[in-house]
PDB file of N, CA and C in Angstrom:
ATOM      1  N   MET A   1       0.967  -1.322   0.318  1.00  0.00           N
ATOM      2  CA  MET A   1      -0.312   0.037  -0.348  1.00  0.00           C
ATOM      3  C   MET A   1       0.983   1.127  -0.021  1.00  0.00           C
ATOM      4  N   ASN A   2       1.855   1.215   0.600  1.00  0.00           N
ATOM      5  CA  ASN A   2       2.812   1.788   0.475  1.00  0.00           C
ATOM      6  C   ASN A   2       3.323   2.544  -0.310  1.00  0.00           C
ATOM      7  N   ALA A   3       3.084   1.757  -2.161  1.00  0.00           N
ATOM      8  CA  ALA A   3       3.998   1.844  -3.018  1.00  0.00           C
ATOM      9  C   ALA A   3       3.083   2.409  -3.863  1.00  0.00           C
ATOM     10  N   TRP A   4       1.830   2.566  -3.916  1.00  0.00           N
ATOM     11  CA  TRP A   4       0.606   2.905  -4.506  1.00  0.00           C
ATOM     12  C   TRP A   4       0.033   4.752  -3.489  1.00  0.00           C
ATOM     13  N   VAL A   5       0.903   4.893  -2.528  1.00  0.00           N
ATOM     14  CA  VAL A   5       0.452   5.901  -2.113  1.00  0.00           C
ATOM     15  C   VAL A   5       1.985   6.776  -2.336  1.00  0.00           C
ATOM     16  N   LEU A   6       2.559   6.030  -2.817  1.00  0.00           N
ATOM     17  CA  LEU A   6       4.449   6.947  -3.497  1.00  0.00           C
ATOM     18  C   LEU A   6       3.895   7.208  -5.007  1.00  0.00           C
ATOM     19  N   ARG A   7       3.176   6.732  -5.503  1.00  0.00           N
ATOM     20  CA  ARG A   7       2.592   6.416  -7.243  1.00  0.00           C
ATOM     21  C   ARG A   7       1.575   7.698  -7.283  1.00  0.00           C
ATOM     22  N   LEU A   8       1.217   7.963  -6.360  1.00  0.00           N
ATOM     23  CA  LEU A   8       0.082   8.717  -5.936  1.00  0.00           C
ATOM     24  C   LEU A   8       0.649   9.883  -5.806  1.00  0.00           C
ATOM     25  N   ALA A   9       1.570   9.958  -4.657  1.00  0.00           N
ATOM     26  CA  ALA A   9       2.060  11.108  -4.721  1.00  0.00           C
ATOM     27  C   ALA A   9       3.107  11.886  -5.406  1.00  0.00           C
ATOM     28  N   GLY A  10       3.739  10.657  -6.761  1.00  0.00           N
ATOM     29  CA  GLY A  10       4.536  11.181  -7.480  1.00  0.00           C
ATOM     30  C   GLY A  10       3.872  11.652  -8.751  1.00  0.00           C
ATOM     31  N   ALA A  11       2.615  11.088  -8.910  1.00  0.00           N
ATOM     32  CA  ALA A  11       1.501  11.737 -10.135  1.00  0.00           C
ATOM     33  C   ALA A  11       1.622  13.018  -9.429  1.00  0.00           C
ATOM     34  N   GLY A  12       0.907  13.007  -8.035  1.00  0.00           N
ATOM     35  CA  GLY A  12       0.971  14.604  -7.817  1.00  0.00           C
ATOM     36  C   GLY A  12       1.884  15.573  -8.019  1.00  0.00           C
ATOM     37  N   LEU A  13       2.556  15.469  -7.881  1.00  0.00           N
ATOM     38  CA  LEU A  13       4.339  16.434  -8.135  1.00  0.00           C
ATOM     39  C   LEU A  13       4.345  16.530  -9.623  1.00  0.00           C
ATOM     40  N   LEU A  14       4.304  15.952 -10.378  1.00  0.00           N
ATOM     41  CA  LEU A  14       4.424  15.987 -11.487  1.00  0.00           C
ATOM     42  C   LEU A  14       2.766  16.724 -12.187  1.00  0.00           C
ATOM     43  N   ILE A  15       1.822  16.170 -11.690  1.00  0.00           N
ATOM     44  CA  ILE A  15       0.194  16.750 -12.224  1.00  0.00           C
ATOM     45  C   ILE A  15       1.181  18.647 -11.950  1.00  0.00           C
ATOM     46  N   LEU A  16       1.494  19.153 -10.641  1.00  0.00           N
ATOM     47  CA  LEU A  16       1.529  20.180 -10.103  1.00  0.00           C
ATOM     48  C   LEU A  16       3.113  20.970 -10.752  1.00  0.00           C
ATOM     49  N   LEU A  17       3.758  19.684 -11.138  1.00  0.00           N
ATOM     50  CA  LEU A  17       4.864  20.522 -11.951  1.00  0.00           C
ATOM     51  C   LEU A  17       4.621  20.862 -12.820  1.00  0.00           C
ATOM     52  N   GLY A  18       3.548  20.047 -14.009  1.00  0.00           N
ATOM     53  CA  GLY A  18       3.097  20.349 -15.523  1.00  0.00           C
ATOM     54  C   GLY A  18       2.107  21.770 -15.268  1.00  0.00           C
ATOM     55  N   ILE A  19       1.322  22.070 -14.239  1.00  0.00           N
ATOM     56  CA  ILE A  19       0.247  23.066 -13.968  1.00  0.00           C
ATOM     57  C   ILE A  19       1.759  24.402 -13.447  1.00  0.00           C
ATOM     58  N   THR A  20       2.477  24.300 -13.297  1.00  0.00           N
ATOM     59  CA  THR A  20       3.217  25.362 -12.981  1.00  0.00           C
ATOM     60  C   THR A  20       4.303  25.354 -14.031  1.00  0.00           C
ATOM     61  N   VAL A  21       4.984  24.787 -14.832  1.00  0.00           N
ATOM     62  CA  VAL A  21       5.484  24.801 -15.800  1.00  0.00           C
ATOM     63  C   VAL A  21       4.551  25.868 -17.245  1.00  0.00           C
ATOM     64  N   GLY A  22       3.037  25.195 -17.075  1.00  0.00           N
ATOM     65  CA  GLY A  22       2.491  25.327 -18.445  1.00  0.00           C
ATOM     66  C   GLY A  22       2.197  26.974 -18.417  1.00  0.00           C
ATOM     67  N   ALA A  23       1.353  27.006 -16.799  1.00  0.00           N
ATOM     68  CA  ALA A  23       0.888  28.288 -16.145  1.00  0.00           C
ATOM     69  C   ALA A  23       2.567  29.327 -16.898  1.00  0.00           C
ATOM     70  N   ARG A  24       3.864  29.085 -16.265  1.00  0.00           N
ATOM     71  CA  ARG A  24       4.946  30.247 -16.615  1.00  0.00           C
ATOM     72  C   ARG A  24       4.722  30.527 -18.160  1.00  0.00           C
ATOM     73  N   ALA A  25       4.883  29.209 -18.739  1.00  0.00           N
ATOM     74  CA  ALA A  25       5.009  29.051 -20.016  1.00  0.00           C
ATOM     75  C   ALA A  25       3.851  30.383 -21.196  1.00  0.00           C
ATOM     76  N   THR A  26       2.894  30.269 -20.669  1.00  0.00           N
ATOM     77  CA  THR A  26       1.786  30.693 -20.966  1.00  0.00           C
ATOM     78  C   THR A  26       1.569  32.280 -20.722  1.00  0.00           C
ATOM     79  N   THR A  27       2.308  32.274 -19.354  1.00  0.00           N
ATOM     80  CA  THR A  27       2.520  33.719 -19.138  1.00  0.00           C
ATOM     81  C   THR A  27       3.311  34.496 -20.017  1.00  0.00           C
ATOM     82  N   HIS A  28       4.609  34.004 -19.999  1.00  0.00           N
ATOM     83  CA  HIS A  28       5.758  33.925 -20.665  1.00  0.00           C
ATOM     84  C   HIS A  28       5.245  34.307 -22.150  1.00  0.00           C
ATOM     85  N   HIS A  29       4.437  33.733 -22.553  1.00  0.00           N
ATOM     86  CA  HIS A  29       3.877  34.021 -24.200  1.00  0.00           C
ATOM     87  C   HIS A  29       2.928  34.823 -23.860  1.00  0.00           C
ATOM     88  N   PHE A  30       2.039  34.916 -23.576  1.00  0.00           N
ATOM     89  CA  PHE A  30       1.062  35.904 -23.575  1.00  0.00           C
ATOM     90  C   PHE A  30       0.865  37.462 -22.395  1.00  0.00           C
ATOM     91  N   ARG A  31       2.167  37.208 -22.052  1.00  0.00           N
ATOM     92  CA  ARG A  31       2.266  38.816 -21.449  1.00  0.00           C
ATOM     93  C   ARG A  31       2.652  39.532 -22.188  1.00  0.00           C
ATOM     94  N   PRO A  32       3.319  39.933 -23.161  1.00  0.00           N
ATOM     95  CA  PRO A  32       3.722  41.066 -24.498  1.00  0.00           C
ATOM     96  C   PRO A  32       2.491  41.288 -25.423  1.00  0.00           C
ATOM     97  N   LEU A  33       1.702  40.570 -25.747  1.00  0.00           N
ATOM     98  CA  LEU A  33       0.469  40.743 -25.897  1.00  0.00           C
ATOM     99  C   LEU A  33      -0.709  41.037 -25.363  1.00  0.00           C
ATOM    100  N   LEU A  34      -0.894  40.885 -24.049  1.00  0.00           N
ATOM    101  CA  LEU A  34      -1.768  41.482 -23.143  1.00  0.00           C
ATOM    102  C   LEU A  34      -1.535  42.606 -22.682  1.00  0.00           C
ATOM    103  N   ASP A  35       0.008  43.259 -22.900  1.00  0.00           N
ATOM    104  CA  ASP A  35       0.739  44.619 -22.316  1.00  0.00           C
ATOM    105  C   ASP A  35       0.522  45.258 -23.874  1.00  0.00           C
ATOM    106  N   ASP A  36       0.613  44.791 -24.803  1.00  0.00           N
ATOM    107  CA  ASP A  36       0.253  45.777 -26.063  1.00  0.00           C
ATOM    108  C   ASP A  36      -1.304  46.069 -26.267  1.00  0.00           C
ATOM    109  N   GLN A  37      -1.710  45.178 -25.769  1.00  0.00           N
ATOM    110  CA  GLN A  37      -3.457  45.347 -26.028  1.00  0.00           C
ATOM    111  C   GLN A  37      -4.211  46.294 -24.870  1.00  0.00           C
ATOM    112  N   GLN A  38      -3.386  46.031 -23.851  1.00  0.00           N
ATOM    113  CA  GLN A  38      -4.125  47.286 -22.801  1.00  0.00           C
ATOM    114  C   GLN A  38      -2.751  49.079 -23.083  1.00  0.00           C
ATOM    115  N   ALA A  39      -1.963  48.589 -24.422  1.00  0.00           N
ATOM    116  CA  ALA A  39      -1.887  49.978 -24.238  1.00  0.00           C
ATOM    117  C   ALA A  39      -2.965  50.640 -25.619  1.00  0.00           C
ATOM    118  N   LYS A  40      -2.843  49.676 -26.199  1.00  0.00           N
ATOM    119  CA  LYS A  40      -3.743  50.134 -27.329  1.00  0.00           C
ATOM    120  C   LYS A  40      -5.098  50.436 -26.592  1.00  0.00           C
ATOM    121  N   VAL A  41      -5.707  50.105 -25.571  1.00  0.00           N
ATOM    122  CA  VAL A  41      -6.883  50.416 -25.097  1.00  0.00           C
ATOM    123  C   VAL A  41      -7.060  51.521 -24.755  1.00  0.00           C
ATOM    124  N   ALA A  42      -5.717  51.730 -23.699  1.00  0.00           N
ATOM    125  CA  ALA A  42      -5.785  53.323 -23.165  1.00  0.00           C
ATOM    126  C   ALA A  42      -5.484  54.318 -24.388  1.00  0.00           C
ATOM    127  N   GLN A  43      -5.003  53.652 -25.622  1.00  0.00           N
ATOM    128  CA  GLN A  43      -4.471  54.753 -26.392  1.00  0.00           C
ATOM    129  C   GLN A  43      -6.256  55.051 -26.988  1.00  0.00           C
ATOM    130  N   CYS A  44      -6.939  54.101 -27.014  1.00  0.00           N
ATOM    131  CA  CYS A  44      -8.498  54.519 -27.966  1.00  0.00           C
ATOM    132  C   CYS A  44      -9.076  55.522 -26.827  1.00  0.00           C
ATOM    133  N   THR A  45      -8.640  54.888 -25.646  1.00  0.00           N
ATOM    134  CA  THR A  45      -9.747  55.854 -24.495  1.00  0.00           C
ATOM    135  C   THR A  45      -9.587  57.080 -24.553  1.00  0.00           C
ATOM    136  N   ALA A  46      -8.160  57.256 -24.816  1.00  0.00           N
ATOM    137  CA  ALA A  46      -7.576  58.814 -24.349  1.00  0.00           C
ATOM    138  C   ALA A  46      -8.191  59.192 -26.098  1.00  0.00           C
ATOM    139  N   ALA A  47      -7.995  58.817 -26.922  1.00  0.00           N
ATOM    140  CA  ALA A  47      -8.520  59.403 -28.527  1.00  0.00           C
ATOM    141  C   ALA A  47     -10.247  59.942 -28.442  1.00  0.00           C
ATOM    142  N   ARG A  48     -10.948  58.486 -27.662  1.00  0.00           N
ATOM    143  CA  ARG A  48     -12.280  59.009 -27.274  1.00  0.00           C
ATOM    144  C   ARG A  48     -12.913  59.780 -26.247  1.00  0.00           C
ATOM    145  N   ASP A  49     -11.982  60.297 -25.367  1.00  0.00           N
ATOM    146  CA  ASP A  49     -12.136  60.954 -24.377  1.00  0.00           C
ATOM    147  C   ASP A  49     -12.177  61.918 -24.906  1.00  0.00           C
ATOM    148  N   ASN A  50     -11.130  62.676 -25.656  1.00  0.00           N
ATOM    149  CA  ASN A  50     -10.883  64.083 -26.877  1.00  0.00           C
ATOM    150  C   ASN A  50     -11.531  64.147 -27.669  1.00  0.00           C
ATOM    151  N   LEU A  51     -12.217  63.333 -28.567  1.00  0.00           N
ATOM    152  CA  LEU A  51     -13.590  63.523 -29.661  1.00  0.00           C
ATOM    153  C   LEU A  51     -14.676  63.972 -28.594  1.00  0.00           C
ATOM    154  N   ALA A  52     -14.917  63.343 -27.104  1.00  0.00           N
ATOM    155  CA  ALA A  52     -15.660  63.297 -26.250  1.00  0.00           C
ATOM    156  C   ALA A  52     -15.655  64.997 -26.273  1.00  0.00           C
ATOM    157  N   GLY A  53     -14.756  65.564 -26.096  1.00  0.00           N
ATOM    158  CA  GLY A  53     -14.603  66.742 -25.127  1.00  0.00           C
ATOM    159  C   GLY A  53     -14.680  67.718 -26.706  1.00  0.00           C
ATOM    160  N   LEU A  54     -14.507  67.263 -28.105  1.00  0.00           N
ATOM    161  CA  LEU A  54     -14.513  68.610 -29.079  1.00  0.00           C
ATOM    162  C   LEU A  54     -15.959  68.448 -29.375  1.00  0.00           C
ATOM    163  N   ALA A  55     -16.463  67.322 -29.088  1.00  0.00           N
ATOM    164  CA  ALA A  55     -17.776  67.264 -29.777  1.00  0.00           C
ATOM    165  C   ALA A  55     -18.571  68.251 -28.682  1.00  0.00           C
ATOM    166  N   THR A  56     -18.844  67.989 -27.369  1.00  0.00           N
ATOM    167  CA  THR A  56     -19.323  68.827 -27.004  1.00  0.00           C
ATOM    168  C   THR A  56     -18.814  70.577 -26.686  1.00  0.00           C
ATOM    169  N   GLU A  57     -17.431  70.679 -26.901  1.00  0.00           N
ATOM    170  CA  GLU A  57     -17.536  71.948 -27.430  1.00  0.00           C
ATOM    171  C   GLU A  57     -17.977  72.102 -28.936  1.00  0.00           C
ATOM    172  N   GLN A  58     -17.764  71.448 -29.759  1.00  0.00           N
ATOM    173  CA  GLN A  58     -18.206  71.838 -31.080  1.00  0.00           C
ATOM    174  C   GLN A  58     -20.397  72.113 -30.877  1.00  0.00           C
ATOM    175  N   GLY A  59     -20.889  71.308 -30.033  1.00  0.00           N
ATOM    176  CA  GLY A  59     -22.020  71.434 -29.651  1.00  0.00           C
ATOM    177  C   GLY A  59     -22.950  72.490 -28.868  1.00  0.00           C
ATOM    178  N   LYS A  60     -21.829  73.367 -28.238  1.00  0.00           N
ATOM    179  CA  LYS A  60     -21.529  74.309 -27.716  1.00  0.00           C
ATOM    180  C   LYS A  60     -21.580  75.348 -28.731  1.00  0.00           C
ATOM    181  N   ALA A  61     -20.513  75.226 -29.232  1.00  0.00           N
ATOM    182  CA  ALA A  61     -20.491  76.876 -30.753  1.00  0.00           C
ATOM    183  C   ALA A  61     -21.604  76.989 -31.524  1.00  0.00           C
ATOM    184  N   ILE A  62     -22.472  75.552 -31.697  1.00  0.00           N
ATOM    185  CA  ILE A  62     -23.614  75.332 -33.242  1.00  0.00           C
ATOM    186  C   ILE A  62     -24.573  75.987 -31.849  1.00  0.00           C
ATOM    187  N   GLY A  63     -24.636  75.845 -30.849  1.00  0.00           N
ATOM    188  CA  GLY A  63     -26.014  76.013 -30.041  1.00  0.00           C
ATOM    189  C   GLY A  63     -25.643  77.657 -29.982  1.00  0.00           C
ATOM    190  N   ASP A  64     -24.353  78.089 -29.696  1.00  0.00           N
ATOM    191  CA  ASP A  64     -24.297  79.826 -29.671  1.00  0.00           C
ATOM    192  C   ASP A  64     -24.848  80.519 -30.943  1.00  0.00           C
ATOM    193  N   LEU A  65     -24.593  79.980 -31.958  1.00  0.00           N
ATOM    194  CA  LEU A  65     -24.411  80.244 -33.621  1.00  0.00           C
ATOM    195  C   LEU A  65     -26.086  80.158 -33.560  1.00  0.00           C
ATOM    196  N   MET A  66     -26.598  79.574 -33.265  1.00  0.00           N
ATOM    197  CA  MET A  66     -27.677  79.303 -33.315  1.00  0.00           C
ATOM    198  C   MET A  66     -28.565  80.720 -32.458  1.00  0.00           C
ATOM    199  N   LEU A  67     -28.332  80.570 -31.089  1.00  0.00           N
ATOM    200  CA  LEU A  67     -28.619  81.404 -30.710  1.00  0.00           C
ATOM    201  C   LEU A  67     -28.585  83.499 -31.232  1.00  0.00           C
ATOM    202  N   ALA A  68     -27.300  83.587 -31.434  1.00  0.00           N
ATOM    203  CA  ALA A  68     -26.950  84.863 -32.033  1.00  0.00           C
ATOM    204  C   ALA A  68     -28.075  84.306 -32.988  1.00  0.00           C
ATOM    205  N   ALA A  69     -27.697  83.910 -34.292  1.00  0.00           N
ATOM    206  CA  ALA A  69     -29.127  83.704 -35.625  1.00  0.00           C
ATOM    207  C   ALA A  69     -30.217  84.111 -34.935  1.00  0.00           C
ATOM    208  N   ALA A  70     -30.910  83.305 -34.019  1.00  0.00           N
ATOM    209  CA  ALA A  70     -32.401  84.026 -33.670  1.00  0.00           C
ATOM    210  C   ALA A  70     -32.294  85.144 -33.210  1.00  0.00           C
ATOM    211  N   GLY A  71     -30.986  85.947 -32.515  1.00  0.00           N
ATOM    212  CA  GLY A  71     -31.020  87.063 -31.948  1.00  0.00           C
ATOM    213  C   GLY A  71     -31.221  88.110 -33.149  1.00  0.00           C
ATOM    214  N   ARG A  72     -29.971  87.774 -34.247  1.00  0.00           N
ATOM    215  CA  ARG A  72     -30.266  88.689 -35.387  1.00  0.00           C
ATOM    216  C   ARG A  72     -31.823  88.771 -36.285  1.00  0.00           C
ATOM    217  N   GLN A  73     -32.008  87.236 -36.112  1.00  0.00           N
ATOM    218  CA  GLN A  73     -33.649  87.507 -36.540  1.00  0.00           C
ATOM    219  C   GLN A  73     -34.509  88.346 -36.426  1.00  0.00           C
ATOM    220  N   ALA A  74     -34.476  88.261 -35.232  1.00  0.00           N
ATOM    221  CA  ALA A  74     -35.112  89.066 -33.758  1.00  0.00           C
ATOM    222  C   ALA A  74     -35.556  90.640 -34.197  1.00  0.00           C
ATOM    223  N   ALA A  75     -33.546  91.000 -34.571  1.00  0.00           N
ATOM    224  CA  ALA A  75     -33.565  92.367 -34.661  1.00  0.00           C
ATOM    225  C   ALA A  75     -34.069  92.747 -35.682  1.00  0.00           C
ATOM    226  N   ALA A  76     -33.272  92.091 -37.108  1.00  0.00           N
ATOM    227  CA  ALA A  76     -34.144  92.510 -38.030  1.00  0.00           C
ATOM    228  C   ALA A  76     -35.528  92.206 -38.403  1.00  0.00           C
ATOM    229  N   GLU A  77     -36.475  91.803 -37.558  1.00  0.00           N
ATOM    230  CA  GLU A  77     -37.953  91.808 -37.739  1.00  0.00           C
ATOM    231  C   GLU A  77     -38.573  93.251 -37.367  1.00  0.00           C
ATOM    232  N   GLN A  78     -37.599  93.429 -35.918  1.00  0.00           N
ATOM    233  CA  GLN A  78     -37.934  94.698 -35.676  1.00  0.00           C
ATOM    234  C   GLN A  78     -37.740  95.945 -36.470  1.00  0.00           C
ATOM    235  N   VAL A  79     -36.700  96.069 -37.355  1.00  0.00           N
ATOM    236  CA  VAL A  79     -36.573  96.739 -37.847  1.00  0.00           C
ATOM    237  C   VAL A  79     -37.270  96.853 -39.103  1.00  0.00           C
ATOM    238  N   VAL A  80     -37.476  96.158 -39.626  1.00  0.00           N
ATOM    239  CA  VAL A  80     -38.361  95.970 -40.977  1.00  0.00           C
ATOM    240  C   VAL A  80     -39.704  96.537 -40.147  1.00  0.00           C
ATOM    241  N   LYS A  81     -40.263  96.221 -38.968  1.00  0.00           N
ATOM    242  CA  LYS A  81     -41.684  96.517 -38.635  1.00  0.00           C
ATOM    243  C   LYS A  81     -41.778  98.220 -38.222  1.00  0.00           C
ATOM    244  N   THR A  82     -39.952  98.801 -37.305  1.00  0.00           N
ATOM    245  CA  THR A  82     -40.303  99.968 -37.608  1.00  0.00           C
ATOM    246  C   THR A  82     -40.218 100.796 -39.059  1.00  0.00           C
ATOM    247  N   ALA A  83     -39.360 100.219 -39.753  1.00  0.00           N
ATOM    248  CA  ALA A  83     -39.569 100.721 -41.363  1.00  0.00           C
ATOM    249  C   ALA A  83     -40.984 100.808 -42.048  1.00  0.00           C
ATOM    250  N   GLU A  84     -41.457  99.902 -41.900  1.00  0.00           N
ATOM    251  CA  GLU A  84     -42.736  99.758 -42.192  1.00  0.00           C
ATOM    252  C   GLU A  84     -43.466 100.755 -41.762  1.00  0.00           C
ATOM    253  N   VAL A  85     -43.529 101.165 -40.870  1.00  0.00           N
ATOM    254  CA  VAL A  85     -44.260 102.027 -39.526  1.00  0.00           C
ATOM    255  C   VAL A  85     -43.770 103.471 -40.585  1.00  0.00           C
ATOM    256  N   GLY A  86     -42.558 103.552 -40.430  1.00  0.00           N
ATOM    257  CA  GLY A  86     -41.979 104.550 -40.464  1.00  0.00           C
ATOM    258  C   GLY A  86     -42.168 104.910 -42.398  1.00  0.00           C
ATOM    259  N   ALA A  87     -42.622 104.236 -42.967  1.00  0.00           N
ATOM    260  CA  ALA A  87     -42.690 104.452 -44.693  1.00  0.00           C
ATOM    261  C   ALA A  87     -43.952 104.340 -44.796  1.00  0.00           C
ATOM    262  N   LYS A  88     -45.407 104.012 -44.316  1.00  0.00           N
ATOM    263  CA  LYS A  88     -46.510 104.484 -43.948  1.00  0.00           C
ATOM    264  C   LYS A  88     -47.022 106.276 -44.205  1.00  0.00           C
ATOM    265  N   ALA A  89     -45.900 106.746 -43.339  1.00  0.00           N
ATOM    266  CA  ALA A  89     -45.949 108.706 -43.133  1.00  0.00           C
ATOM    267  C   ALA A  89     -45.967 108.832 -44.804  1.00  0.00           C
ATOM    268  N   ASP A  90     -44.828 108.019 -45.557  1.00  0.00           N
ATOM    269  CA  ASP A  90     -43.708 108.417 -46.724  1.00  0.00           C
ATOM    270  C   ASP A  90     -44.662 108.477 -47.446  1.00  0.00           C
ATOM    271  N   TYR A  91     -45.303 106.815 -47.807  1.00  0.00           N
ATOM    272  CA  TYR A  91     -46.588 106.299 -48.311  1.00  0.00           C
ATOM    273  C   TYR A  91     -47.251 107.535 -48.647  1.00  0.00           C
ATOM    274  N   ALA A  92     -47.741 107.613 -47.420  1.00  0.00           N
ATOM    275  CA  ALA A  92     -49.190 108.423 -47.520  1.00  0.00           C
ATOM    276  C   ALA A  92     -49.114 110.204 -48.046  1.00  0.00           C
ATOM    277  N   ALA A  93     -47.999 110.468 -48.253  1.00  0.00           N
ATOM    278  CA  ALA A  93     -47.265 111.871 -48.553  1.00  0.00           C
ATOM    279  C   ALA A  93     -47.176 112.005 -49.632  1.00  0.00           C
ATOM    280  N   ALA A  94     -46.868 110.382 -50.370  1.00  0.00           N
ATOM    281  CA  ALA A  94     -46.224 110.513 -52.156  1.00  0.00           C
ATOM    282  C   ALA A  94     -47.795 110.257 -52.614  1.00  0.00           C
ATOM    283  N   ASN A  95     -48.714 109.650 -52.090  1.00  0.00           N
ATOM    284  CA  ASN A  95     -50.293 109.332 -52.204  1.00  0.00           C
ATOM    285  C   ASN A  95     -50.460 110.806 -52.610  1.00  0.00           C
ATOM    286  N   ARG A  96     -50.316 111.789 -51.877  1.00  0.00           N
ATOM    287  CA  ARG A  96     -51.370 112.867 -51.448  1.00  0.00           C
ATOM    288  C   ARG A  96     -50.598 113.925 -52.684  1.00  0.00           C
ATOM    289  N   LEU A  97     -49.272 113.546 -53.248  1.00  0.00           N
ATOM    290  CA  LEU A  97     -48.389 114.432 -53.963  1.00  0.00           C
ATOM    291  C   LEU A  97     -48.842 113.933 -55.515  1.00  0.00           C
ATOM    292  N   GLN A  98     -49.442 112.539 -55.600  1.00  0.00           N
ATOM    293  CA  GLN A  98     -49.906 112.092 -57.029  1.00  0.00           C
ATOM    294  C   GLN A  98     -51.413 112.152 -57.220  1.00  0.00           C
ATOM    295  N   GLN A  99     -51.916 112.069 -55.692  1.00  0.00           N
ATOM    296  CA  GLN A  99     -53.574 113.060 -56.041  1.00  0.00           C
ATOM    297  C   GLN A  99     -53.818 114.012 -56.021  1.00  0.00           C
ATOM    298  N   GLU A 100     -53.085 115.296 -55.800  1.00  0.00           N
ATOM    299  CA  GLU A 100     -53.160 116.800 -55.834  1.00  0.00           C
ATOM    300  C   GLU A 100     -52.660 116.946 -57.540  1.00  0.00           C
ATOM    301  N   ARG A 101     -53.733 117.594 -57.654  1.00  0.00           N
ATOM    302  CA  ARG A 101     -53.623 118.752 -59.023  1.00  0.00           C
ATOM    303  C   ARG A 101     -53.235 119.650 -58.468  1.00  0.00           C
ATOM    304  N   THR A 102     -52.656 119.832 -59.807  1.00  0.00           N
ATOM    305  CA  THR A 102     -52.055 121.360 -59.959  1.00  0.00           C
ATOM    306  C   THR A 102     -51.859 121.864 -61.510  1.00  0.00           C
ATOM    307  N   GLY A 103     -52.163 123.195 -61.865  1.00  0.00           N
ATOM    308  CA  GLY A 103     -52.239 122.982 -63.087  1.00  0.00           C
ATOM    309  C   GLY A 103     -50.830 124.088 -63.421  1.00  0.00           C
ATOM    310  N   GLY A 104     -50.780 123.840 -64.503  1.00  0.00           N
ATOM    311  CA  GLY A 104     -49.187 124.518 -65.369  1.00  0.00           C
ATOM    312  C   GLY A 104     -48.034 124.022 -65.701  1.00  0.00           C
ATOM    313  N   ASP A 105     -47.025 124.090 -65.905  1.00  0.00           N
ATOM    314  CA  ASP A 105     -45.911 123.233 -66.046  1.00  0.00           C
ATOM    315  C   ASP A 105     -45.826 122.535 -64.845  1.00  0.00           C
ATOM    316  N   GLN A 106     -45.358 120.931 -65.313  1.00  0.00           N
ATOM    317  CA  GLN A 106     -45.427 120.187 -64.528  1.00  0.00           C
ATOM    318  C   GLN A 106     -44.522 119.930 -63.543  1.00  0.00           C
ATOM    319  N   CYS A 107     -42.810 120.318 -63.978  1.00  0.00           N
ATOM    320  CA  CYS A 107     -42.120 120.881 -63.229  1.00  0.00           C
ATOM    321  C   CYS A 107     -41.983 121.637 -61.792  1.00  0.00           C
ATOM    322  N   ALA A 108     -42.299 122.507 -62.384  1.00  0.00           N
ATOM    323  CA  ALA A 108     -43.300 124.184 -61.079  1.00  0.00           C
ATOM    324  C   ALA A 108     -44.370 123.265 -60.290  1.00  0.00           C
ATOM    325  N   ALA A 109     -45.418 122.339 -60.825  1.00  0.00           N
ATOM    326  CA  ALA A 109     -46.025 121.855 -60.083  1.00  0.00           C
ATOM    327  C   ALA A 109     -45.782 120.831 -59.091  1.00  0.00           C
ATOM    328  N   ALA A 110     -44.502 120.469 -59.442  1.00  0.00           N
ATOM    329  CA  ALA A 110     -43.846 118.838 -58.538  1.00  0.00           C
ATOM    330  C   ALA A 110     -42.897 119.724 -57.585  1.00  0.00           C
ATOM    331  N   THR A 111     -42.459 121.217 -57.964  1.00  0.00           N
ATOM    332  CA  THR A 111     -41.379 121.749 -56.896  1.00  0.00           C
ATOM    333  C   THR A 111     -42.604 122.511 -55.908  1.00  0.00           C
ATOM    334  N   SER A 112     -43.445 122.428 -56.174  1.00  0.00           N
ATOM    335  CA  SER A 112     -44.371 123.486 -55.502  1.00  0.00           C
ATOM    336  C   SER A 112     -45.055 122.571 -54.444  1.00  0.00           C
ATOM    337  N   ILE A 113     -44.863 121.290 -54.923  1.00  0.00           N
ATOM    338  CA  ILE A 113     -45.644 120.500 -53.828  1.00  0.00           C
ATOM    339  C   ILE A 113     -44.791 119.547 -53.207  1.00  0.00           C
ATOM    340  N   ILE A 114     -43.478 119.740 -52.984  1.00  0.00           N
ATOM    341  CA  ILE A 114     -42.062 119.043 -52.510  1.00  0.00           C
ATOM    342  C   ILE A 114     -42.056 120.307 -51.407  1.00  0.00           C
ATOM    343  N   ASP A 115     -42.159 121.417 -52.039  1.00  0.00           N
ATOM    344  CA  ASP A 115     -41.350 122.875 -51.293  1.00  0.00           C
ATOM    345  C   ASP A 115     -43.182 122.756 -49.864  1.00  0.00           C
ATOM    346  N   LYS A 116     -44.070 122.320 -50.620  1.00  0.00           N
ATOM    347  CA  LYS A 116     -45.409 122.419 -49.613  1.00  0.00           C
ATOM    348  C   LYS A 116     -45.069 121.753 -48.559  1.00  0.00           C
ATOM    349  N   GLU A 117     -44.818 120.502 -49.234  1.00  0.00           N
ATOM    350  CA  GLU A 117     -44.139 119.025 -48.149  1.00  0.00           C
ATOM    351  C   GLU A 117     -43.489 119.164 -46.813  1.00  0.00           C
ATOM    352  N   LEU A 118     -42.313 119.886 -47.786  1.00  0.00           N
ATOM    353  CA  LEU A 118     -41.219 120.324 -46.718  1.00  0.00           C
ATOM    354  C   LEU A 118     -41.269 121.285 -46.069  1.00  0.00           C
ATOM    355  N   GLY A 119     -42.147 122.082 -46.240  1.00  0.00           N
ATOM    356  CA  GLY A 119     -42.393 123.448 -45.251  1.00  0.00           C
ATOM    357  C   GLY A 119     -41.683 124.354 -45.715  1.00  0.00           C
ATOM    358  N   LEU A 120     -41.486 124.289 -47.085  1.00  0.00           N
ATOM    359  CA  LEU A 120     -40.824 126.238 -47.471  1.00  0.00           C
ATOM    360  C   LEU A 120     -41.335 126.555 -48.200  1.00  0.00           C
TER     361      LEU A 120
END
């Protein structure tokens, strides 16, 4: 029975030795590959973070441009409304000039009408 125990212990030691040698060989083979992949992951992560920052900055810039465009459009609409109000008086005066009938020379009539409108 003692021989079986020795054989079993020897087999266990051989198995343990095989596991140890296999683990060292595997580590020796795959460690450089793993380190290389980890470096690539770090590069990709840095590039992704950089792109995310740039996209955020670009989105903010686009938002600012849209707000500025909306402000310019509102200001332009206000200017158009003001011009329309101011133009109504001029349009009415031009209509009065056209409808007013004067006799004689057309140039003299136009001059007198314009002088009258200007208060001269």
